[in-house]
Amino acid sequence: MYELFYIVPTKYTEDEVGTICEKVKSVLTKNNAKLATEDNLGKRKLAYAVSKFKFGHEFLISFDAERATVPEINRELNLTDEISRHLISRKVEGARGLRPEEKRRTRKEEPKTAAAAAPRAPALSEKELDKEIEKILEQPLT
C-alpha cells in the first residue's frame, strides 16, 4: 500500500484542478494501481514558495500497486507540469496518520501554558498606576 501526496498550484481554476486530479488518477490506473482512498486536503498556505506560489491545493491518494511500478508512476508524475510537488511513500500497515476529516488544531485552539492560564490582576486606572509607580520609586535601592 502506498500514499501519494501532491500539490497543485493555485493558478488553476477549480475545474482545471478537477481535470488534473483525473489525470493523476489515470496515471495510477494506467500502471495497474488500485485506488483505495482519495482525499482533497483543500487550499493551504505552503511553508515556502514553490514555483513562485505561496498557496496550493493539496491531495492525498492511497493506492495499492506492485513495487516495480512505483518508479514508473513517479517518473510520469515528474513529467506532469501541472503538479508543483509530489511524494510517494509506502504506507505502513497499522500506522495511524492524520486523516483530513480529523480536526486539526489551529493556533487559536492550542493549549494554554500555565502563565497564560494564570489569572491576571485587574487593570488599574491612571491615578492608581501613578501611585503604584511612586511607591516603587520611593523604596530604597539595595
Protein backbone atom coordinates (compact mmCIF):
# COMPACT_ATOMS: atom_id res chain seq x y z
CA MET A 1 0.00 0.00 0.00
CA TYR A 2 1.34 3.43 -0.96
CA GLU A 3 0.33 7.04 -0.44
CA LEU A 4 0.71 9.80 -3.00
CA PHE A 5 0.71 13.39 -1.75
CA TYR A 6 0.75 16.11 -4.38
CA ILE A 7 0.30 19.88 -4.65
CA VAL A 8 -1.40 21.72 -7.50
CA PRO A 9 -0.62 25.48 -7.68
CA THR A 10 -3.46 27.95 -7.21
CA LYS A 11 -3.04 29.38 -10.70
CA TYR A 12 -5.50 26.72 -11.88
CA THR A 13 -9.28 27.11 -11.54
CA GLU A 14 -11.41 24.56 -9.68
CA ASP A 15 -12.42 22.92 -12.97
CA GLU A 16 -8.81 22.66 -14.08
CA VAL A 17 -7.82 21.21 -10.69
CA GLY A 18 -10.50 18.55 -11.20
CA THR A 19 -9.07 17.57 -14.59
CA ILE A 20 -5.55 17.48 -13.11
CA CYS A 21 -6.79 15.10 -10.40
CA GLU A 22 -8.33 12.88 -13.07
CA LYS A 23 -5.01 12.95 -14.93
CA VAL A 24 -3.17 11.81 -11.80
CA LYS A 25 -5.70 9.02 -11.25
CA SER A 26 -5.31 7.91 -14.86
CA VAL A 27 -1.52 7.71 -14.39
CA LEU A 28 -2.11 5.43 -11.41
CA THR A 29 -4.68 3.21 -13.12
CA LYS A 30 -2.57 3.01 -16.28
CA ASN A 31 0.17 1.47 -14.16
CA ASN A 32 -2.23 -1.10 -12.65
CA ALA A 33 -2.60 0.66 -9.30
CA LYS A 34 -5.81 0.13 -7.36
CA LEU A 35 -7.07 3.33 -5.75
CA ALA A 36 -8.12 2.90 -2.11
CA THR A 37 -8.90 6.44 -0.92
CA GLU A 38 -8.69 9.93 -2.33
CA ASP A 39 -8.70 12.97 -0.07
CA ASN A 40 -8.81 16.62 -1.05
CA LEU A 41 -6.96 18.41 1.75
CA GLY A 42 -8.01 21.79 0.38
CA LYS A 43 -6.24 25.01 -0.43
CA ARG A 44 -3.47 25.79 2.04
CA LYS A 45 -0.61 28.18 2.55
CA LEU A 46 2.69 26.46 1.82
CA ALA A 47 5.63 26.66 4.22
CA TYR A 48 7.68 28.28 1.47
CA ALA A 49 7.07 29.40 -2.09
CA VAL A 50 7.07 26.54 -4.58
CA SER A 51 7.37 27.59 -8.22
CA LYS A 52 6.60 31.18 -7.14
CA PHE A 53 3.31 30.14 -5.50
CA LYS A 54 2.63 30.51 -1.78
CA PHE A 55 -0.68 28.60 -1.82
CA GLY A 56 -1.60 25.25 -3.30
CA HIS A 57 -4.34 22.64 -3.48
CA GLU A 58 -3.18 19.55 -1.59
CA PHE A 59 -4.33 15.99 -2.33
CA LEU A 60 -3.64 12.60 -0.76
CA ILE A 61 -4.30 9.32 -2.55
CA SER A 62 -3.84 5.86 -1.05
CA PHE A 63 -3.28 3.13 -3.63
CA ASP A 64 -2.08 -0.42 -3.93
CA ALA A 65 0.46 -1.24 -6.64
CA GLU A 66 3.31 -3.55 -7.43
CA ARG A 67 6.66 -2.36 -6.15
CA ALA A 68 8.15 -2.41 -9.67
CA THR A 69 5.54 0.05 -11.00
CA VAL A 70 6.15 2.78 -8.39
CA PRO A 71 9.27 4.22 -10.13
CA GLU A 72 7.30 4.47 -13.39
CA ILE A 73 4.44 6.26 -11.61
CA ASN A 74 6.98 8.62 -10.05
CA ARG A 75 8.60 9.28 -13.45
CA GLU A 76 5.26 10.08 -15.08
CA LEU A 77 4.28 12.43 -12.25
CA ASN A 78 7.65 14.21 -12.58
CA LEU A 79 6.77 14.90 -16.22
CA THR A 80 3.39 16.38 -15.31
CA ASP A 81 3.78 20.16 -15.41
CA GLU A 82 0.56 20.86 -13.50
CA ILE A 83 1.90 19.35 -10.27
CA SER A 84 4.29 21.50 -8.22
CA ARG A 85 5.47 18.78 -5.85
CA HIS A 86 4.62 15.18 -5.17
CA LEU A 87 5.75 12.43 -2.83
CA ILE A 88 5.09 8.70 -2.94
CA SER A 89 5.63 6.83 0.31
CA ARG A 90 4.97 3.31 1.44
CA LYS A 91 2.15 3.16 3.95
CA VAL A 92 2.95 1.06 6.99
CA GLU A 93 0.12 -1.26 7.95
CA GLY A 94 -1.39 -0.37 11.30
CA ALA A 95 0.19 3.09 11.32
CA ARG A 96 -2.23 5.83 12.21
CA GLY A 97 -1.75 9.15 10.49
CA LEU A 98 -3.81 12.31 10.42
CA ARG A 99 -6.83 11.94 8.24
CA PRO A 100 -8.30 15.02 6.56
CA GLU A 101 -11.64 14.53 8.27
CA GLU A 102 -9.98 14.64 11.69
CA LYS A 103 -9.99 18.05 13.27
CA ARG A 104 -6.62 19.71 13.01
CA ARG A 105 -5.54 22.03 15.78
CA THR A 106 -5.12 25.66 14.87
CA ARG A 107 -3.22 28.36 16.74
CA LYS A 108 -6.37 29.61 18.42
CA GLU A 109 -7.06 26.13 19.81
CA GLU A 110 -3.57 25.45 21.16
CA PRO A 111 -3.50 24.56 24.85
CA LYS A 112 -2.67 27.43 27.15
CA THR A 113 0.54 27.43 29.12
CA ALA A 114 0.50 27.83 32.90
CA ALA A 115 1.47 31.51 32.58
CA ALA A 116 -1.29 32.23 30.10
CA ALA A 117 -3.86 30.38 32.21
CA ALA A 118 -2.94 32.27 35.42
CA PRO A 119 -5.44 34.94 36.49
CA ARG A 120 -4.48 38.49 35.65
CA ALA A 121 -4.56 41.43 38.02
CA PRO A 122 -7.37 43.87 37.31
CA ALA A 123 -6.50 46.83 35.12
CA LEU A 124 -5.52 49.99 37.02
CA SER A 125 -6.64 53.49 36.28
CA GLU A 126 -4.01 56.16 35.53
CA LYS A 127 -4.11 57.56 39.06
CA GLU A 128 -3.76 54.13 40.66
CA LEU A 129 -0.91 53.31 38.31
CA ASP A 130 0.89 56.58 39.21
CA LYS A 131 0.54 55.76 42.93
CA GLU A 132 1.99 52.27 42.39
CA ILE A 133 4.94 53.71 40.45
CA GLU A 134 5.58 56.29 43.21
CA LYS A 135 5.63 53.52 45.85
CA ILE A 136 8.16 51.56 43.83
CA LEU A 137 10.35 54.61 43.24
CA GLU A 138 10.32 55.60 46.93
CA GLN A 139 11.76 52.25 48.00
CA PRO A 140 15.49 52.41 48.74
CA LEU A 141 17.87 50.65 46.37
CA THR A 142 19.65 47.70 47.95
